[in-house]
Amino acid sequence: MSADRSTDETPSARSAETRLLDAAAKGDVVELVVVLRGRVRRRPGKLQGAWTVRLGDGRYRAFSPETVIAVTQVTKRRARSTGDAQSAPQSAALVPANAVASAAPLGAE
């Protein structure tokens, strides 16, 4: 990853960055939906009920179960043409999809 993160971002990430900056500047209260893929473990220590996820790049993110709206098991599969391992969802979300029916995208009015 380069020192200038803007060169590593996709158009979608740049759009999200713009919307986040706008919401922060206005002081808006927003609801974020963030997807993290990795191995989860209960976080030891003082933060009872907290969890961590180890991301593909080796970094960790902590979260509370109240922020989770879906959990989907992911398995490794082999790509047909290259033989590289890829991650793919194995099944539908373990939490019902209707749990997020009220979520609106950033900027929705």
PDB file of N, CA and C in Angstrom:
ATOM      1  N   MET A   1       0.841  -1.162   0.000  1.00  0.00           N
ATOM      2  CA  MET A   1       0.000   0.000   0.000  1.00  0.00           C
ATOM      3  C   MET A   1       0.888   1.228   0.000  1.00  0.00           C
ATOM      4  N   SER A   2       0.534   2.193  -0.793  1.00  0.00           N
ATOM      5  CA  SER A   2       1.349   3.394  -0.891  1.00  0.00           C
ATOM      6  C   SER A   2       1.055   4.339   0.266  1.00  0.00           C
ATOM      7  N   ALA A   3       1.968   5.305   0.482  1.00  0.00           N
ATOM      8  CA  ALA A   3       1.787   6.284   1.546  1.00  0.00           C
ATOM      9  C   ALA A   3       0.580   7.176   1.261  1.00  0.00           C
ATOM     10  N   ASP A   4       0.319   7.453  -0.007  1.00  0.00           N
ATOM     11  CA  ASP A   4      -0.831   8.263  -0.397  1.00  0.00           C
ATOM     12  C   ASP A   4      -2.014   7.330  -0.611  1.00  0.00           C
ATOM     13  N   ARG A   5      -2.889   7.246   0.370  1.00  0.00           N
ATOM     14  CA  ARG A   5      -4.008   6.310   0.313  1.00  0.00           C
ATOM     15  C   ARG A   5      -4.960   6.597  -0.826  1.00  0.00           C
ATOM     16  N   SER A   6      -5.032   7.843  -1.299  1.00  0.00           N
ATOM     17  CA  SER A   6      -5.983   8.176  -2.350  1.00  0.00           C
ATOM     18  C   SER A   6      -5.700   7.406  -3.631  1.00  0.00           C
ATOM     19  N   THR A   7      -4.462   6.995  -3.862  1.00  0.00           N
ATOM     20  CA  THR A   7      -4.147   6.244  -5.070  1.00  0.00           C
ATOM     21  C   THR A   7      -4.594   4.796  -4.961  1.00  0.00           C
ATOM     22  N   ASP A   8      -4.860   4.315  -3.745  1.00  0.00           N
ATOM     23  CA  ASP A   8      -5.272   2.930  -3.533  1.00  0.00           C
ATOM     24  C   ASP A   8      -6.779   2.767  -3.479  1.00  0.00           C
ATOM     25  N   GLU A   9      -7.524   3.855  -3.516  1.00  0.00           N
ATOM     26  CA  GLU A   9      -8.960   3.789  -3.348  1.00  0.00           C
ATOM     27  C   GLU A   9      -9.677   3.586  -4.668  1.00  0.00           C
ATOM     28  N   THR A  10     -10.771   2.854  -4.588  1.00  0.00           N
ATOM     29  CA  THR A  10     -11.631   2.658  -5.745  1.00  0.00           C
ATOM     30  C   THR A  10     -12.560   3.863  -5.869  1.00  0.00           C
ATOM     31  N   PRO A  11     -13.224   4.029  -7.008  1.00  0.00           N
ATOM     32  CA  PRO A  11     -14.194   5.128  -7.122  1.00  0.00           C
ATOM     33  C   PRO A  11     -15.259   5.056  -6.032  1.00  0.00           C
ATOM     34  N   SER A  12     -15.678   3.862  -5.666  1.00  0.00           N
ATOM     35  CA  SER A  12     -16.675   3.696  -4.612  1.00  0.00           C
ATOM     36  C   SER A  12     -16.141   4.193  -3.277  1.00  0.00           C
ATOM     37  N   ALA A  13     -14.883   3.894  -2.972  1.00  0.00           N
ATOM     38  CA  ALA A  13     -14.280   4.351  -1.718  1.00  0.00           C
ATOM     39  C   ALA A  13     -14.140   5.865  -1.718  1.00  0.00           C
ATOM     40  N   ARG A  14     -13.780   6.452  -2.861  1.00  0.00           N
ATOM     41  CA  ARG A  14     -13.676   7.910  -2.942  1.00  0.00           C
ATOM     42  C   ARG A  14     -15.042   8.559  -2.738  1.00  0.00           C
ATOM     43  N   SER A  15     -16.091   7.945  -3.279  1.00  0.00           N
ATOM     44  CA  SER A  15     -17.440   8.455  -3.100  1.00  0.00           C
ATOM     45  C   SER A  15     -17.847   8.388  -1.632  1.00  0.00           C
ATOM     46  N   ALA A  16     -17.536   7.281  -0.966  1.00  0.00           N
ATOM     47  CA  ALA A  16     -17.838   7.142   0.457  1.00  0.00           C
ATOM     48  C   ALA A  16     -17.062   8.173   1.255  1.00  0.00           C
ATOM     49  N   GLU A  17     -15.801   8.391   0.906  1.00  0.00           N
ATOM     50  CA  GLU A  17     -14.974   9.396   1.591  1.00  0.00           C
ATOM     51  C   GLU A  17     -15.614  10.778   1.472  1.00  0.00           C
ATOM     52  N   THR A  18     -16.092  11.124   0.297  1.00  0.00           N
ATOM     53  CA  THR A  18     -16.733  12.415   0.070  1.00  0.00           C
ATOM     54  C   THR A  18     -17.987  12.544   0.928  1.00  0.00           C
ATOM     55  N   ARG A  19     -18.816  11.502   0.958  1.00  0.00           N
ATOM     56  CA  ARG A  19     -20.044  11.537   1.756  1.00  0.00           C
ATOM     57  C   ARG A  19     -19.747  11.612   3.246  1.00  0.00           C
ATOM     58  N   LEU A  20     -18.688  10.885   3.689  1.00  0.00           N
ATOM     59  CA  LEU A  20     -18.302  10.940   5.106  1.00  0.00           C
ATOM     60  C   LEU A  20     -17.806  12.338   5.483  1.00  0.00           C
ATOM     61  N   LEU A  21     -16.983  12.927   4.629  1.00  0.00           N
ATOM     62  CA  LEU A  21     -16.489  14.282   4.887  1.00  0.00           C
ATOM     63  C   LEU A  21     -17.643  15.277   4.963  1.00  0.00           C
ATOM     64  N   ASP A  22     -18.603  15.140   4.062  1.00  0.00           N
ATOM     65  CA  ASP A  22     -19.761  16.028   4.042  1.00  0.00           C
ATOM     66  C   ASP A  22     -20.583  15.860   5.323  1.00  0.00           C
ATOM     67  N   ALA A  23     -20.844  14.628   5.712  1.00  0.00           N
ATOM     68  CA  ALA A  23     -21.622  14.369   6.927  1.00  0.00           C
ATOM     69  C   ALA A  23     -20.900  14.892   8.162  1.00  0.00           C
ATOM     70  N   ALA A  24     -19.578  14.706   8.213  1.00  0.00           N
ATOM     71  CA  ALA A  24     -18.795  15.196   9.348  1.00  0.00           C
ATOM     72  C   ALA A  24     -18.818  16.720   9.406  1.00  0.00           C
ATOM     73  N   ALA A  25     -18.698  17.366   8.261  1.00  0.00           N
ATOM     74  CA  ALA A  25     -18.697  18.831   8.216  1.00  0.00           C
ATOM     75  C   ALA A  25     -20.033  19.407   8.683  1.00  0.00           C
ATOM     76  N   LYS A  26     -21.128  18.711   8.358  1.00  0.00           N
ATOM     77  CA  LYS A  26     -22.462  19.168   8.743  1.00  0.00           C
ATOM     78  C   LYS A  26     -22.843  18.741  10.157  1.00  0.00           C
ATOM     79  N   GLY A  27     -22.068  17.825  10.725  1.00  0.00           N
ATOM     80  CA  GLY A  27     -22.405  17.308  12.052  1.00  0.00           C
ATOM     81  C   GLY A  27     -23.569  16.334  12.009  1.00  0.00           C
ATOM     82  N   ASP A  28     -23.812  15.736  10.840  1.00  0.00           N
ATOM     83  CA  ASP A  28     -24.918  14.794  10.683  1.00  0.00           C
ATOM     84  C   ASP A  28     -24.692  13.525  11.499  1.00  0.00           C
ATOM     85  N   VAL A  29     -25.786  12.950  11.977  1.00  0.00           N
ATOM     86  CA  VAL A  29     -25.749  11.624  12.573  1.00  0.00           C
ATOM     87  C   VAL A  29     -26.013  10.651  11.433  1.00  0.00           C
ATOM     88  N   VAL A  30     -25.133   9.678  11.247  1.00  0.00           N
ATOM     89  CA  VAL A  30     -25.263   8.735  10.138  1.00  0.00           C
ATOM     90  C   VAL A  30     -25.233   7.308  10.661  1.00  0.00           C
ATOM     91  N   GLU A  31     -25.737   6.404   9.862  1.00  0.00           N
ATOM     92  CA  GLU A  31     -25.639   4.976  10.135  1.00  0.00           C
ATOM     93  C   GLU A  31     -24.693   4.398   9.103  1.00  0.00           C
ATOM     94  N   LEU A  32     -23.666   3.676   9.561  1.00  0.00           N
ATOM     95  CA  LEU A  32     -22.677   3.093   8.663  1.00  0.00           C
ATOM     96  C   LEU A  32     -22.862   1.586   8.592  1.00  0.00           C
ATOM     97  N   VAL A  33     -22.726   1.051   7.414  1.00  0.00           N
ATOM     98  CA  VAL A  33     -22.687  -0.397   7.223  1.00  0.00           C
ATOM     99  C   VAL A  33     -21.286  -0.702   6.705  1.00  0.00           C
ATOM    100  N   VAL A  34     -20.511  -1.441   7.494  1.00  0.00           N
ATOM    101  CA  VAL A  34     -19.121  -1.738   7.181  1.00  0.00           C
ATOM    102  C   VAL A  34     -18.970  -3.254   7.086  1.00  0.00           C
ATOM    103  N   VAL A  35     -18.308  -3.731   6.067  1.00  0.00           N
ATOM    104  CA  VAL A  35     -18.080  -5.160   5.903  1.00  0.00           C
ATOM    105  C   VAL A  35     -16.640  -5.476   6.284  1.00  0.00           C
ATOM    106  N   LEU A  36     -16.460  -6.384   7.226  1.00  0.00           N
ATOM    107  CA  LEU A  36     -15.142  -6.849   7.639  1.00  0.00           C
ATOM    108  C   LEU A  36     -15.084  -8.346   7.378  1.00  0.00           C
ATOM    109  N   ARG A  37     -14.009  -8.806   6.763  1.00  0.00           N
ATOM    110  CA  ARG A  37     -13.848 -10.227   6.479  1.00  0.00           C
ATOM    111  C   ARG A  37     -12.594 -10.709   7.177  1.00  0.00           C
ATOM    112  N   GLY A  38     -12.740 -11.724   8.008  1.00  0.00           N
ATOM    113  CA  GLY A  38     -11.596 -12.271   8.719  1.00  0.00           C
ATOM    114  C   GLY A  38     -12.031 -13.249   9.789  1.00  0.00           C
ATOM    115  N   ARG A  39     -11.086 -13.650  10.607  1.00  0.00           N
ATOM    116  CA  ARG A  39     -11.354 -14.589  11.703  1.00  0.00           C
ATOM    117  C   ARG A  39     -11.731 -13.808  12.949  1.00  0.00           C
ATOM    118  N   VAL A  40     -12.811 -14.230  13.613  1.00  0.00           N
ATOM    119  CA  VAL A  40     -13.287 -13.531  14.801  1.00  0.00           C
ATOM    120  C   VAL A  40     -12.920 -14.290  16.070  1.00  0.00           C
ATOM    121  N   ARG A  41     -12.723 -13.523  17.134  1.00  0.00           N
ATOM    122  CA  ARG A  41     -12.460 -14.074  18.464  1.00  0.00           C
ATOM    123  C   ARG A  41     -13.044 -13.113  19.492  1.00  0.00           C
ATOM    124  N   ARG A  42     -13.462 -13.692  20.615  1.00  0.00           N
ATOM    125  CA  ARG A  42     -13.917 -12.845  21.720  1.00  0.00           C
ATOM    126  C   ARG A  42     -12.706 -12.097  22.256  1.00  0.00           C
ATOM    127  N   ARG A  43     -12.869 -10.821  22.538  1.00  0.00           N
ATOM    128  CA  ARG A  43     -11.761  -9.991  23.003  1.00  0.00           C
ATOM    129  C   ARG A  43     -11.566 -10.190  24.509  1.00  0.00           C
ATOM    130  N   PRO A  44     -10.356 -10.535  24.897  1.00  0.00           N
ATOM    131  CA  PRO A  44     -10.102 -10.723  26.331  1.00  0.00           C
ATOM    132  C   PRO A  44      -9.950  -9.378  27.039  1.00  0.00           C
ATOM    133  N   GLY A  45     -10.058  -9.413  28.347  1.00  0.00           N
ATOM    134  CA  GLY A  45      -9.781  -8.207  29.118  1.00  0.00           C
ATOM    135  C   GLY A  45     -11.010  -7.515  29.630  1.00  0.00           C
ATOM    136  N   LYS A  46     -10.863  -6.209  29.818  1.00  0.00           N
ATOM    137  CA  LYS A  46     -11.886  -5.392  30.465  1.00  0.00           C
ATOM    138  C   LYS A  46     -13.169  -5.259  29.649  1.00  0.00           C
ATOM    139  N   LEU A  47     -13.065  -5.258  28.361  1.00  0.00           N
ATOM    140  CA  LEU A  47     -14.232  -5.015  27.499  1.00  0.00           C
ATOM    141  C   LEU A  47     -15.068  -6.288  27.353  1.00  0.00           C
ATOM    142  N   GLN A  48     -15.886  -6.571  28.344  1.00  0.00           N
ATOM    143  CA  GLN A  48     -16.730  -7.763  28.312  1.00  0.00           C
ATOM    144  C   GLN A  48     -17.680  -7.701  27.125  1.00  0.00           C
ATOM    145  N   GLY A  49     -17.767  -8.772  26.375  1.00  0.00           N
ATOM    146  CA  GLY A  49     -18.666  -8.841  25.231  1.00  0.00           C
ATOM    147  C   GLY A  49     -18.087  -8.314  23.945  1.00  0.00           C
ATOM    148  N   ALA A  50     -16.905  -7.716  23.977  1.00  0.00           N
ATOM    149  CA  ALA A  50     -16.301  -7.179  22.755  1.00  0.00           C
ATOM    150  C   ALA A  50     -15.656  -8.314  21.956  1.00  0.00           C
ATOM    151  N   TRP A  51     -15.548  -8.107  20.677  1.00  0.00           N
ATOM    152  CA  TRP A  51     -14.964  -9.083  19.759  1.00  0.00           C
ATOM    153  C   TRP A  51     -13.884  -8.404  18.931  1.00  0.00           C
ATOM    154  N   THR A  52     -12.995  -9.218  18.352  1.00  0.00           N
ATOM    155  CA  THR A  52     -12.032  -8.715  17.381  1.00  0.00           C
ATOM    156  C   THR A  52     -12.127  -9.554  16.120  1.00  0.00           C
ATOM    157  N   VAL A  53     -11.784  -8.944  15.012  1.00  0.00           N
ATOM    158  CA  VAL A  53     -11.686  -9.654  13.746  1.00  0.00           C
ATOM    159  C   VAL A  53     -10.293  -9.383  13.200  1.00  0.00           C
ATOM    160  N   ARG A  54      -9.612 -10.450  12.790  1.00  0.00           N
ATOM    161  CA  ARG A  54      -8.298 -10.305  12.160  1.00  0.00           C
ATOM    162  C   ARG A  54      -8.527 -10.246  10.661  1.00  0.00           C
ATOM    163  N   LEU A  55      -8.178  -9.122  10.078  1.00  0.00           N
ATOM    164  CA  LEU A  55      -8.402  -8.884   8.656  1.00  0.00           C
ATOM    165  C   LEU A  55      -7.342  -9.583   7.820  1.00  0.00           C
ATOM    166  N   GLY A  56      -7.556  -9.660   6.528  1.00  0.00           N
ATOM    167  CA  GLY A  56      -6.632 -10.327   5.617  1.00  0.00           C
ATOM    168  C   GLY A  56      -5.237  -9.740   5.603  1.00  0.00           C
ATOM    169  N   ASP A  57      -5.113  -8.447   5.919  1.00  0.00           N
ATOM    170  CA  ASP A  57      -3.795  -7.813   5.926  1.00  0.00           C
ATOM    171  C   ASP A  57      -3.087  -7.953   7.273  1.00  0.00           C
ATOM    172  N   GLY A  58      -3.690  -8.696   8.217  1.00  0.00           N
ATOM    173  CA  GLY A  58      -3.068  -8.941   9.508  1.00  0.00           C
ATOM    174  C   GLY A  58      -3.461  -7.961  10.601  1.00  0.00           C
ATOM    175  N   ARG A  59      -4.144  -6.882  10.247  1.00  0.00           N
ATOM    176  CA  ARG A  59      -4.581  -5.922  11.256  1.00  0.00           C
ATOM    177  C   ARG A  59      -5.839  -6.434  11.950  1.00  0.00           C
ATOM    178  N   TYR A  60      -6.105  -5.886  13.127  1.00  0.00           N
ATOM    179  CA  TYR A  60      -7.276  -6.270  13.915  1.00  0.00           C
ATOM    180  C   TYR A  60      -8.229  -5.095  14.046  1.00  0.00           C
ATOM    181  N   ARG A  61      -9.513  -5.395  14.142  1.00  0.00           N
ATOM    182  CA  ARG A  61     -10.536  -4.396  14.427  1.00  0.00           C
ATOM    183  C   ARG A  61     -11.393  -4.944  15.565  1.00  0.00           C
ATOM    184  N   ALA A  62     -11.687  -4.109  16.540  1.00  0.00           N
ATOM    185  CA  ALA A  62     -12.555  -4.487  17.655  1.00  0.00           C
ATOM    186  C   ALA A  62     -13.969  -3.988  17.362  1.00  0.00           C
ATOM    187  N   PHE A  63     -14.963  -4.725  17.838  1.00  0.00           N
ATOM    188  CA  PHE A  63     -16.355  -4.324  17.648  1.00  0.00           C
ATOM    189  C   PHE A  63     -17.208  -4.946  18.742  1.00  0.00           C
ATOM    190  N   SER A  64     -18.379  -4.374  18.947  1.00  0.00           N
ATOM    191  CA  SER A  64     -19.327  -4.944  19.898  1.00  0.00           C
ATOM    192  C   SER A  64     -20.410  -5.672  19.103  1.00  0.00           C
ATOM    193  N   PRO A  65     -20.997  -6.714  19.677  1.00  0.00           N
ATOM    194  CA  PRO A  65     -22.007  -7.475  18.931  1.00  0.00           C
ATOM    195  C   PRO A  65     -23.234  -6.639  18.562  1.00  0.00           C
ATOM    196  N   GLU A  66     -23.490  -5.559  19.270  1.00  0.00           N
ATOM    197  CA  GLU A  66     -24.640  -4.712  18.948  1.00  0.00           C
ATOM    198  C   GLU A  66     -24.504  -4.054  17.584  1.00  0.00           C
ATOM    199  N   THR A  67     -23.284  -3.942  17.074  1.00  0.00           N
ATOM    200  CA  THR A  67     -23.073  -3.294  15.782  1.00  0.00           C
ATOM    201  C   THR A  67     -23.191  -4.260  14.610  1.00  0.00           C
ATOM    202  N   VAL A  68     -23.312  -5.543  14.876  1.00  0.00           N
ATOM    203  CA  VAL A  68     -23.342  -6.565  13.822  1.00  0.00           C
ATOM    204  C   VAL A  68     -24.774  -6.759  13.340  1.00  0.00           C
ATOM    205  N   ILE A  69     -24.980  -6.639  12.029  1.00  0.00           N
ATOM    206  CA  ILE A  69     -26.309  -6.858  11.465  1.00  0.00           C
ATOM    207  C   ILE A  69     -26.391  -8.148  10.662  1.00  0.00           C
ATOM    208  N   ALA A  70     -25.255  -8.741  10.319  1.00  0.00           N
ATOM    209  CA  ALA A  70     -25.253 -10.012   9.584  1.00  0.00           C
ATOM    210  C   ALA A  70     -23.913 -10.702   9.786  1.00  0.00           C
ATOM    211  N   VAL A  71     -23.953 -12.012   9.785  1.00  0.00           N
ATOM    212  CA  VAL A  71     -22.744 -12.829   9.845  1.00  0.00           C
ATOM    213  C   VAL A  71     -22.872 -13.880   8.756  1.00  0.00           C
ATOM    214  N   THR A  72     -21.912 -13.924   7.866  1.00  0.00           N
ATOM    215  CA  THR A  72     -21.924 -14.877   6.764  1.00  0.00           C
ATOM    216  C   THR A  72     -20.636 -15.680   6.797  1.00  0.00           C
ATOM    217  N   GLN A  73     -20.762 -17.002   6.807  1.00  0.00           N
ATOM    218  CA  GLN A  73     -19.571 -17.851   6.789  1.00  0.00           C
ATOM    219  C   GLN A  73     -18.931 -17.782   5.411  1.00  0.00           C
ATOM    220  N   VAL A  74     -17.610 -17.691   5.370  1.00  0.00           N
ATOM    221  CA  VAL A  74     -16.865 -17.597   4.120  1.00  0.00           C
ATOM    222  C   VAL A  74     -15.901 -18.768   4.047  1.00  0.00           C
ATOM    223  N   THR A  75     -15.845 -19.422   2.894  1.00  0.00           N
ATOM    224  CA  THR A  75     -14.916 -20.530   2.699  1.00  0.00           C
ATOM    225  C   THR A  75     -13.943 -20.173   1.596  1.00  0.00           C
ATOM    226  N   LYS A  76     -12.826 -20.864   1.574  1.00  0.00           N
ATOM    227  CA  LYS A  76     -11.847 -20.683   0.496  1.00  0.00           C
ATOM    228  C   LYS A  76     -12.239 -21.591  -0.663  1.00  0.00           C
ATOM    229  N   ARG A  77     -12.098 -21.080  -1.863  1.00  0.00           N
ATOM    230  CA  ARG A  77     -12.332 -21.895  -3.054  1.00  0.00           C
ATOM    231  C   ARG A  77     -11.231 -21.603  -4.051  1.00  0.00           C
ATOM    232  N   ARG A  78     -10.988 -22.486  -4.957  1.00  0.00           N
ATOM    233  CA  ARG A  78      -9.949 -22.312  -5.974  1.00  0.00           C
ATOM    234  C   ARG A  78     -10.554 -21.620  -7.186  1.00  0.00           C
ATOM    235  N   ALA A  79      -9.839 -20.626  -7.707  1.00  0.00           N
ATOM    236  CA  ALA A  79     -10.273 -19.964  -8.937  1.00  0.00           C
ATOM    237  C   ALA A  79     -10.082 -20.930 -10.096  1.00  0.00           C
ATOM    238  N   ARG A  80     -10.977 -20.917 -11.041  1.00  0.00           N
ATOM    239  CA  ARG A  80     -10.921 -21.867 -12.164  1.00  0.00           C
ATOM    240  C   ARG A  80      -9.726 -21.657 -13.074  1.00  0.00           C
ATOM    241  N   SER A  81      -9.435 -20.396 -13.413  1.00  0.00           N
ATOM    242  CA  SER A  81      -8.400 -20.158 -14.418  1.00  0.00           C
ATOM    243  C   SER A  81      -6.990 -20.029 -13.843  1.00  0.00           C
ATOM    244  N   THR A  82      -6.845 -19.485 -12.634  1.00  0.00           N
ATOM    245  CA  THR A  82      -5.510 -19.207 -12.129  1.00  0.00           C
ATOM    246  C   THR A  82      -5.045 -20.161 -11.043  1.00  0.00           C
ATOM    247  N   GLY A  83      -5.982 -20.841 -10.384  1.00  0.00           N
ATOM    248  CA  GLY A  83      -5.608 -21.711  -9.288  1.00  0.00           C
ATOM    249  C   GLY A  83      -5.400 -20.972  -7.990  1.00  0.00           C
ATOM    250  N   ASP A  84      -5.593 -19.637  -7.990  1.00  0.00           N
ATOM    251  CA  ASP A  84      -5.453 -18.849  -6.766  1.00  0.00           C
ATOM    252  C   ASP A  84      -6.661 -19.082  -5.875  1.00  0.00           C
ATOM    253  N   ALA A  85      -6.420 -19.111  -4.575  1.00  0.00           N
ATOM    254  CA  ALA A  85      -7.513 -19.243  -3.624  1.00  0.00           C
ATOM    255  C   ALA A  85      -8.256 -17.921  -3.535  1.00  0.00           C
ATOM    256  N   GLN A  86      -9.585 -18.010  -3.496  1.00  0.00           N
ATOM    257  CA  GLN A  86     -10.421 -16.832  -3.347  1.00  0.00           C
ATOM    258  C   GLN A  86     -11.419 -17.093  -2.241  1.00  0.00           C
ATOM    259  N   SER A  87     -11.863 -16.040  -1.588  1.00  0.00           N
ATOM    260  CA  SER A  87     -12.896 -16.177  -0.574  1.00  0.00           C
ATOM    261  C   SER A  87     -14.246 -16.034  -1.236  1.00  0.00           C
ATOM    262  N   ALA A  88     -15.187 -16.854  -0.794  1.00  0.00           N
ATOM    263  CA  ALA A  88     -16.529 -16.773  -1.327  1.00  0.00           C
ATOM    264  C   ALA A  88     -17.518 -17.072  -0.218  1.00  0.00           C
ATOM    265  N   PRO A  89     -18.625 -16.331  -0.160  1.00  0.00           N
ATOM    266  CA  PRO A  89     -19.641 -16.640   0.836  1.00  0.00           C
ATOM    267  C   PRO A  89     -20.153 -18.060   0.635  1.00  0.00           C
ATOM    268  N   GLN A  90     -20.301 -18.795   1.738  1.00  0.00           N
ATOM    269  CA  GLN A  90     -20.759 -20.175   1.637  1.00  0.00           C
ATOM    270  C   GLN A  90     -22.269 -20.266   1.686  1.00  0.00           C
ATOM    271  N   SER A  91     -22.890 -19.406   2.474  1.00  0.00           N
ATOM    272  CA  SER A  91     -24.325 -19.499   2.647  1.00  0.00           C
ATOM    273  C   SER A  91     -24.908 -18.112   2.840  1.00  0.00           C
ATOM    274  N   ALA A  92     -26.219 -18.062   2.948  1.00  0.00           N
ATOM    275  CA  ALA A  92     -26.885 -16.796   3.202  1.00  0.00           C
ATOM    276  C   ALA A  92     -26.521 -16.302   4.601  1.00  0.00           C
ATOM    277  N   ALA A  93     -26.776 -15.051   4.847  1.00  0.00           N
ATOM    278  CA  ALA A  93     -26.466 -14.462   6.146  1.00  0.00           C
ATOM    279  C   ALA A  93     -27.122 -15.269   7.251  1.00  0.00           C
ATOM    280  N   LEU A  94     -26.414 -15.427   8.359  1.00  0.00           N
ATOM    281  CA  LEU A  94     -26.938 -16.152   9.493  1.00  0.00           C
ATOM    282  C   LEU A  94     -27.905 -15.305  10.308  1.00  0.00           C
ATOM    283  N   VAL A  95     -27.877 -13.994  10.101  1.00  0.00           N
ATOM    284  CA  VAL A  95     -28.842 -13.085  10.690  1.00  0.00           C
ATOM    285  C   VAL A  95     -29.785 -12.695   9.560  1.00  0.00           C
ATOM    286  N   PRO A  96     -31.088 -12.705   9.786  1.00  0.00           N
ATOM    287  CA  PRO A  96     -32.027 -12.421   8.699  1.00  0.00           C
ATOM    288  C   PRO A  96     -31.750 -11.101   8.000  1.00  0.00           C
ATOM    289  N   ALA A  97     -31.883 -11.103   6.684  1.00  0.00           N
ATOM    290  CA  ALA A  97     -31.636  -9.902   5.894  1.00  0.00           C
ATOM    291  C   ALA A  97     -32.606  -8.790   6.250  1.00  0.00           C
ATOM    292  N   ASN A  98     -33.823  -9.133   6.694  1.00  0.00           N
ATOM    293  CA  ASN A  98     -34.783  -8.090   7.029  1.00  0.00           C
ATOM    294  C   ASN A  98     -34.370  -7.296   8.256  1.00  0.00           C
ATOM    295  N   ALA A  99     -33.309  -7.710   8.947  1.00  0.00           N
ATOM    296  CA  ALA A  99     -32.808  -6.958  10.084  1.00  0.00           C
ATOM    297  C   ALA A  99     -32.216  -5.626   9.649  1.00  0.00           C
ATOM    298  N   VAL A 100     -31.891  -5.485   8.372  1.00  0.00           N
ATOM    299  CA  VAL A 100     -31.303  -4.243   7.874  1.00  0.00           C
ATOM    300  C   VAL A 100     -32.262  -3.499   6.935  1.00  0.00           C
ATOM    301  N   ALA A 101     -33.522  -3.900   6.908  1.00  0.00           N
ATOM    302  CA  ALA A 101     -34.466  -3.303   5.978  1.00  0.00           C
ATOM    303  C   ALA A 101     -34.606  -1.801   6.175  1.00  0.00           C
ATOM    304  N   SER A 102     -34.397  -1.312   7.406  1.00  0.00           N
ATOM    305  CA  SER A 102     -34.587   0.117   7.646  1.00  0.00           C
ATOM    306  C   SER A 102     -33.335   0.934   7.371  1.00  0.00           C
ATOM    307  N   ALA A 103     -32.232   0.295   7.065  1.00  0.00           N
ATOM    308  CA  ALA A 103     -30.982   1.029   6.813  1.00  0.00           C
ATOM    309  C   ALA A 103     -31.072   1.769   5.484  1.00  0.00           C
ATOM    310  N   ALA A 104     -30.682   3.031   5.507  1.00  0.00           N
ATOM    311  CA  ALA A 104     -30.680   3.832   4.284  1.00  0.00           C
ATOM    312  C   ALA A 104     -29.252   4.220   3.943  1.00  0.00           C
ATOM    313  N   PRO A 105     -28.931   4.276   2.648  1.00  0.00           N
ATOM    314  CA  PRO A 105     -27.573   4.674   2.261  1.00  0.00           C
ATOM    315  C   PRO A 105     -27.283   6.107   2.695  1.00  0.00           C
ATOM    316  N   LEU A 106     -25.999   6.423   2.862  1.00  0.00           N
ATOM    317  CA  LEU A 106     -25.615   7.795   3.180  1.00  0.00           C
ATOM    318  C   LEU A 106     -26.167   8.734   2.140  1.00  0.00           C
ATOM    319  N   GLY A 107     -26.647   9.846   2.580  1.00  0.00           N
ATOM    320  CA  GLY A 107     -27.162  10.852   1.650  1.00  0.00           C
ATOM    321  C   GLY A 107     -28.611  10.640   1.278  1.00  0.00           C
ATOM    322  N   ALA A 108     -29.199   9.490   1.670  1.00  0.00           N
ATOM    323  CA  ALA A 108     -30.611   9.253   1.351  1.00  0.00           C
ATOM    324  C   ALA A 108     -31.471  10.156   2.222  1.00  0.00           C
ATOM    325  N   GLU A 109     -32.507  10.672   1.656  1.00  0.00           N
ATOM    326  CA  GLU A 109     -33.373  11.572   2.421  1.00  0.00           C
ATOM    327  C   GLU A 109     -34.721  10.968   2.644  1.00  0.00           C
TER     328      GLU A 109
END
